[in-house]
Protein backbone atom coordinates (compact mmCIF):
# COMPACT_ATOMS: atom_id res chain seq x y z
CA MET A 1 116.25 -95.85 15.85
CA THR A 2 113.88 -96.62 13.00
CA PRO A 3 110.48 -97.83 14.28
CA PRO A 4 109.32 -101.23 13.03
CA ASN A 5 107.00 -101.37 10.05
CA ARG A 6 103.41 -101.97 11.11
CA GLY A 7 101.64 -103.47 8.12
CA GLY A 8 98.22 -105.02 7.81
CA ALA A 9 94.51 -104.18 7.63
CA SER A 10 94.95 -101.83 4.67
CA GLY A 11 97.42 -99.69 6.58
CA THR A 12 95.18 -99.07 9.58
CA ILE A 13 97.55 -100.75 12.05
CA GLY A 14 100.46 -98.50 11.13
CA THR A 15 98.18 -95.47 10.94
CA SER A 16 96.93 -96.19 14.45
CA GLU A 17 100.53 -96.31 15.71
CA ALA A 18 101.25 -92.98 14.05
CA ALA A 19 98.14 -91.41 15.58
CA ARG A 20 99.40 -92.29 19.06
CA ALA A 21 102.93 -90.96 18.48
CA ALA A 22 104.18 -87.72 19.96
CA PRO A 23 103.60 -84.70 17.69
CA ASP A 24 107.26 -83.76 17.62
CA GLY A 25 108.08 -84.10 13.93
CA TYR A 26 109.93 -87.39 14.31
CA THR A 27 106.92 -89.48 13.28
CA LEU A 28 105.51 -88.88 9.82
CA LEU A 29 103.20 -91.09 7.80
CA LEU A 30 102.87 -91.59 4.06
CA VAL A 31 99.25 -92.39 3.27
CA PHE A 32 97.62 -93.60 0.09
CA ASP A 33 94.06 -93.37 -1.20
CA SER A 34 93.03 -96.20 1.15
CA HIS A 35 93.35 -93.65 3.97
CA ALA A 36 90.09 -92.08 2.77
CA VAL A 37 88.34 -95.46 2.63
CA ASN A 38 89.35 -97.26 5.81
CA GLN A 39 86.92 -95.54 8.14
CA SER A 40 84.07 -97.03 6.08
CA LEU A 41 85.41 -100.59 6.24
CA TYR A 42 87.33 -101.05 9.50
CA ASP A 43 86.79 -100.41 13.18
CA ILE A 44 89.69 -97.97 13.32
CA LYS A 45 91.14 -96.70 16.59
CA TYR A 46 91.79 -93.16 15.38
CA ASP A 47 89.91 -90.33 13.68
CA THR A 48 90.84 -89.97 10.01
CA PHE A 49 90.91 -86.20 10.36
CA LYS A 50 91.13 -85.12 14.00
CA SER A 51 94.04 -87.47 14.77
CA PHE A 52 96.35 -85.96 12.16
CA ASP A 53 97.83 -82.81 10.74
CA TYR A 54 97.63 -82.91 6.96
CA VAL A 55 100.93 -81.74 5.46
CA SER A 56 100.63 -82.15 1.69
CA LEU A 57 99.31 -84.23 -1.15
CA ILE A 58 102.58 -85.36 -2.72
CA GLY A 59 101.42 -86.79 -6.00
CA THR A 60 98.68 -88.47 -7.96
CA MET A 61 98.84 -91.52 -10.20
CA PRO A 62 96.29 -92.26 -12.91
CA MET A 63 94.75 -95.69 -12.80
CA ALA A 64 95.09 -97.93 -15.85
CA VAL A 65 92.86 -100.68 -17.20
CA VAL A 66 95.13 -103.67 -17.80
CA THR A 67 94.18 -107.01 -19.34
CA SER A 68 95.96 -110.34 -19.40
CA LYS A 69 97.81 -111.42 -22.50
CA LYS A 70 96.03 -114.74 -22.07
CA SER A 71 92.63 -113.14 -22.52
CA ASP A 72 91.02 -111.94 -25.74
CA LEU A 73 90.51 -108.47 -24.29
CA THR A 74 92.97 -106.43 -26.33
CA SER A 75 91.03 -103.17 -26.14
CA LEU A 76 88.64 -101.39 -23.80
CA THR A 77 85.93 -101.71 -26.43
CA ALA A 78 86.40 -105.50 -26.51
CA LEU A 79 86.32 -105.65 -22.72
CA LEU A 80 83.06 -103.69 -22.51
CA ALA A 81 81.48 -105.72 -25.31
CA LYS A 82 82.26 -109.04 -23.63
CA ALA A 83 81.11 -107.83 -20.22
CA LYS A 84 77.81 -106.66 -21.71
CA SER A 85 77.17 -109.79 -23.76
CA HIS A 86 78.26 -112.18 -20.99
CA PRO A 87 77.55 -110.53 -17.60
CA GLY A 88 79.91 -111.69 -14.86
CA SER A 89 82.22 -113.54 -17.25
CA VAL A 90 85.00 -110.93 -17.12
CA THR A 91 87.04 -111.30 -13.94
CA TYR A 92 89.15 -108.65 -12.26
CA GLY A 93 91.75 -109.06 -9.57
CA SER A 94 92.35 -106.86 -6.55
CA SER A 95 94.83 -106.67 -3.70
CA GLY A 96 91.96 -107.18 -1.27
CA VAL A 97 88.48 -105.98 -0.42
CA GLY A 98 88.23 -102.21 -0.18
CA GLY A 99 91.48 -101.38 -1.96
CA SER A 100 91.66 -98.96 -4.88
CA ASN A 101 91.85 -101.84 -7.37
CA HIS A 102 88.62 -103.20 -5.91
CA LEU A 103 86.58 -100.01 -5.53
CA ASN A 104 87.63 -98.42 -8.81
CA PRO A 105 86.44 -101.42 -10.87
CA VAL A 106 83.15 -101.34 -8.92
CA ALA A 107 82.73 -97.69 -9.90
CA PHE A 108 83.83 -98.53 -13.45
CA ALA A 109 81.24 -101.30 -13.77
CA LYS A 110 78.47 -99.03 -12.44
CA SER A 111 79.45 -96.30 -14.88
CA ALA A 112 79.52 -98.71 -17.84
CA GLY A 113 76.38 -100.61 -16.85
CA ILE A 114 78.19 -103.94 -16.77
CA LYS A 115 78.79 -106.75 -14.28
CA LEU A 116 82.32 -107.89 -13.48
CA MET A 117 83.47 -110.76 -11.25
CA HIS A 118 85.74 -109.76 -8.35
CA VAL A 119 88.65 -112.03 -7.41
CA PRO A 120 90.49 -110.69 -4.34
CA TYR A 121 94.11 -111.61 -3.54
CA ARG A 122 96.31 -111.05 -0.51
CA GLY A 123 98.23 -108.07 -1.79
CA GLY A 124 99.24 -106.34 -4.99
CA GLY A 125 102.00 -108.80 -5.84
CA PRO A 126 99.74 -111.87 -5.97
CA MET A 127 97.14 -109.82 -7.87
CA LEU A 128 99.62 -108.92 -10.61
CA THR A 129 100.99 -112.47 -10.73
CA ALA A 130 97.44 -113.69 -11.27
CA LEU A 131 96.96 -111.20 -14.10
CA LEU A 132 100.17 -112.22 -15.86
CA GLY A 133 99.29 -115.88 -15.45
CA GLY A 134 95.80 -115.46 -16.84
CA GLU A 135 93.97 -116.32 -13.61
CA VAL A 136 92.02 -113.08 -14.00
CA ASP A 137 91.14 -111.14 -17.13
CA MET A 138 91.91 -107.64 -15.91
CA VAL A 139 92.93 -105.29 -13.15
CA ILE A 140 92.61 -101.56 -12.68
CA GLY A 141 95.93 -100.57 -11.16
CA SER A 142 97.89 -97.38 -10.58
CA LEU A 143 100.12 -96.50 -13.52
CA PRO A 144 103.45 -96.81 -11.63
CA THR A 145 102.64 -100.41 -10.68
CA VAL A 146 101.71 -101.55 -14.19
CA VAL A 147 103.49 -99.26 -16.66
CA ASN A 148 106.45 -101.60 -17.19
CA TYR A 149 104.14 -104.52 -17.97
CA GLY A 150 102.73 -102.47 -20.81
CA LYS A 151 106.11 -101.28 -22.05
CA THR A 152 107.53 -104.82 -22.09
CA GLY A 153 104.42 -106.38 -23.60
CA ARG A 154 103.71 -108.66 -20.63
CA ALA A 155 100.17 -107.29 -20.32
CA ASN A 156 97.78 -105.12 -22.34
CA ILE A 157 97.28 -101.62 -20.99
CA VAL A 158 94.07 -100.88 -22.85
CA ALA A 159 93.15 -97.50 -21.34
CA ILE A 160 94.26 -94.78 -18.94
CA ALA A 161 91.63 -93.55 -16.47
CA SER A 162 92.57 -89.87 -16.60
CA LYS A 163 91.43 -86.91 -18.68
CA ASP A 164 94.70 -86.85 -20.58
CA PRO A 165 96.68 -89.72 -22.14
CA ALA A 166 99.79 -90.93 -20.31
CA PRO A 167 103.02 -89.71 -21.97
CA GLN A 168 104.70 -92.93 -20.82
CA LEU A 169 102.33 -94.94 -23.03
CA PRO A 170 101.74 -93.08 -26.30
CA GLY A 171 98.77 -94.32 -28.27
CA VAL A 172 96.89 -95.77 -25.28
CA PRO A 173 93.43 -94.15 -25.16
CA THR A 174 91.72 -92.74 -22.08
CA VAL A 175 88.69 -94.42 -20.55
CA ASP A 176 86.94 -91.06 -20.82
CA SER A 177 87.20 -91.16 -24.62
CA ILE A 178 85.07 -94.33 -24.66
CA LEU A 179 83.17 -94.05 -21.38
CA PRO A 180 82.71 -90.29 -20.84
CA GLY A 181 82.98 -89.10 -17.26
CA TYR A 182 84.94 -92.01 -15.79
CA ASN A 183 88.21 -91.02 -14.16
CA ALA A 184 90.22 -92.78 -11.48
CA GLN A 185 93.46 -92.02 -9.72
CA SER A 186 95.54 -93.18 -6.82
CA TRP A 187 97.49 -90.75 -4.67
CA VAL A 188 100.08 -90.46 -1.92
CA GLY A 189 100.38 -87.77 0.73
CA LEU A 190 102.11 -86.91 3.99
CA ILE A 191 100.45 -86.57 7.39
CA ALA A 192 101.68 -86.34 10.98
CA PRO A 193 100.24 -86.81 14.47
CA ALA A 194 97.89 -83.94 15.30
CA ASN A 195 99.07 -80.75 16.97
CA LEU A 196 102.57 -80.39 15.60
CA PRO A 197 104.25 -77.16 16.78
CA LYS A 198 103.99 -74.53 14.04
CA ASP A 199 107.75 -74.23 13.57
CA VAL A 200 108.12 -78.01 13.22
CA PHE A 201 105.23 -78.16 10.76
CA GLN A 202 106.86 -75.42 8.68
CA LYS A 203 110.21 -77.22 8.62
CA ILE A 204 108.53 -80.39 7.36
CA GLN A 205 106.66 -78.48 4.66
CA THR A 206 109.84 -76.72 3.53
CA ALA A 207 111.85 -79.95 3.41
CA LEU A 208 109.12 -81.72 1.43
CA ALA A 209 108.79 -78.86 -1.06
CA LYS A 210 112.56 -78.82 -1.58
CA THR A 211 112.63 -82.57 -2.20
CA LEU A 212 109.75 -82.47 -4.68
CA ALA A 213 111.38 -79.59 -6.56
CA ASP A 214 114.59 -81.57 -7.08
CA PRO A 215 114.98 -82.24 -10.85
CA ALA A 216 116.17 -85.81 -10.30
CA VAL A 217 113.20 -86.59 -8.08
CA ARG A 218 110.77 -85.01 -10.53
CA LYS A 219 112.27 -86.93 -13.45
CA LYS A 220 112.16 -90.26 -11.64
CA MET A 221 108.59 -89.79 -10.38
CA GLY A 222 107.42 -88.57 -13.79
CA THR A 223 108.95 -91.55 -15.57
CA ASP A 224 107.21 -93.89 -13.15
CA GLY A 225 103.81 -92.29 -13.77
CA PHE A 226 103.49 -89.88 -10.84
CA ASN A 227 102.11 -86.37 -11.19
CA ILE A 228 103.80 -84.29 -8.49
CA VAL A 229 101.34 -82.03 -6.68
CA ASN A 230 102.79 -80.60 -3.42
CA SER A 231 99.46 -79.13 -2.30
CA SER A 232 98.62 -76.95 0.65
CA PRO A 233 97.50 -78.70 3.87
CA THR A 234 93.96 -77.41 3.42
CA GLU A 235 93.73 -78.63 -0.17
CA PHE A 236 94.98 -82.07 0.85
CA GLU A 237 92.54 -82.47 3.72
CA GLN A 238 89.63 -81.27 1.58
CA GLN A 239 90.46 -83.87 -1.08
CA VAL A 240 90.56 -86.67 1.49
CA ARG A 241 87.21 -85.53 2.92
CA GLN A 242 85.64 -85.50 -0.54
CA GLU A 243 86.96 -88.96 -1.35
CA ALA A 244 85.92 -90.33 2.05
CA LYS A 245 82.35 -89.20 1.33
CA ARG A 246 82.36 -90.59 -2.21
CA TRP A 247 83.71 -94.00 -1.27
CA SER A 248 81.51 -94.36 1.82
CA GLU A 249 78.45 -93.86 -0.38
CA LEU A 250 79.65 -96.50 -2.86
CA ILE A 251 80.53 -98.96 -0.08
CA ARG A 252 77.09 -98.60 1.47
CA ALA A 253 75.30 -98.84 -1.87
CA GLU A 254 77.19 -101.98 -2.88
CA LYS A 255 77.12 -103.48 0.64
CA ILE A 256 80.90 -103.99 0.62
CA THR A 257 82.36 -105.42 3.82
CA VAL A 258 85.67 -106.91 4.96
CA GLU A 259 85.69 -110.26 6.73
C-alpha cells in the first residue's frame, strides 16, 4: 500500500512522517535543497541529520534568472541597472518564504549590492503564472522548472547561475560572467529513516546507482537540466551540513521568518 502524500510546511510534514517510520527500507524520502533550510525556519519535530541515513545526492540543477516578457528586463545587465537606479522597483516572485527562489534572490541582491522587492506566492505554480502574466518582473528558479519557458519564448532566461553555461540554452550567459562569484543551484537527494540495516542500505544504494546509470534516465534528466551526481553518503551529508550553515547565517542576518 502506498502511503498518502504528506505535503505542506516546505516538506517538513512529510519529512517528519518519514523520520518516524521503521528503518526497514520500505520508507525512503526524496529531499530538495529546502531540507537544509527548514531547521532555521520551522519548529521541526525531527533532527535534520540524526533522524536520517543519507543515501546519495542524486542530482543538481543550476538556478536561472528569468524575467517576464512584459517587463523591459531583457538582459541581466538591464536588470541590475534598473535595480541600482530604482531600488526596490524590481519585483521577484517566490513559491513562499524560505524557499530556494526566495533565499537565492536574497543572496543575489546582497552580492550585487541592490534591493529587490519580494512577492511570495503559495507554491511554484502560482509563482510562474505570476511571472508569465507580468505580476512580477523576475524569478530565480531551477533550470528544469523554467527551461521550456525560455525555449518557447514565453519568458526571458537572462542568465544561468552556474560556472558553466547550460547546454540546453546556448548563448545564455552565466551570472558569474557579469557578477563574479555568484552561483546558485537546487538539488535533490535520497534519505531514509536512521539506522537502516547495512544490507538494506547497500541494496538501496545499488538500485539507485543502477537507475542513475541507465542511458534513458540520464538522457531525460540531462535534457531537463539535471546534472546527475550519485554521491557517496558522506559527501551528501557534508553538503547538506554546509548549506544548512550557510542559509542559517543568511536567514539570521536578514531576519527572515515564516508566519
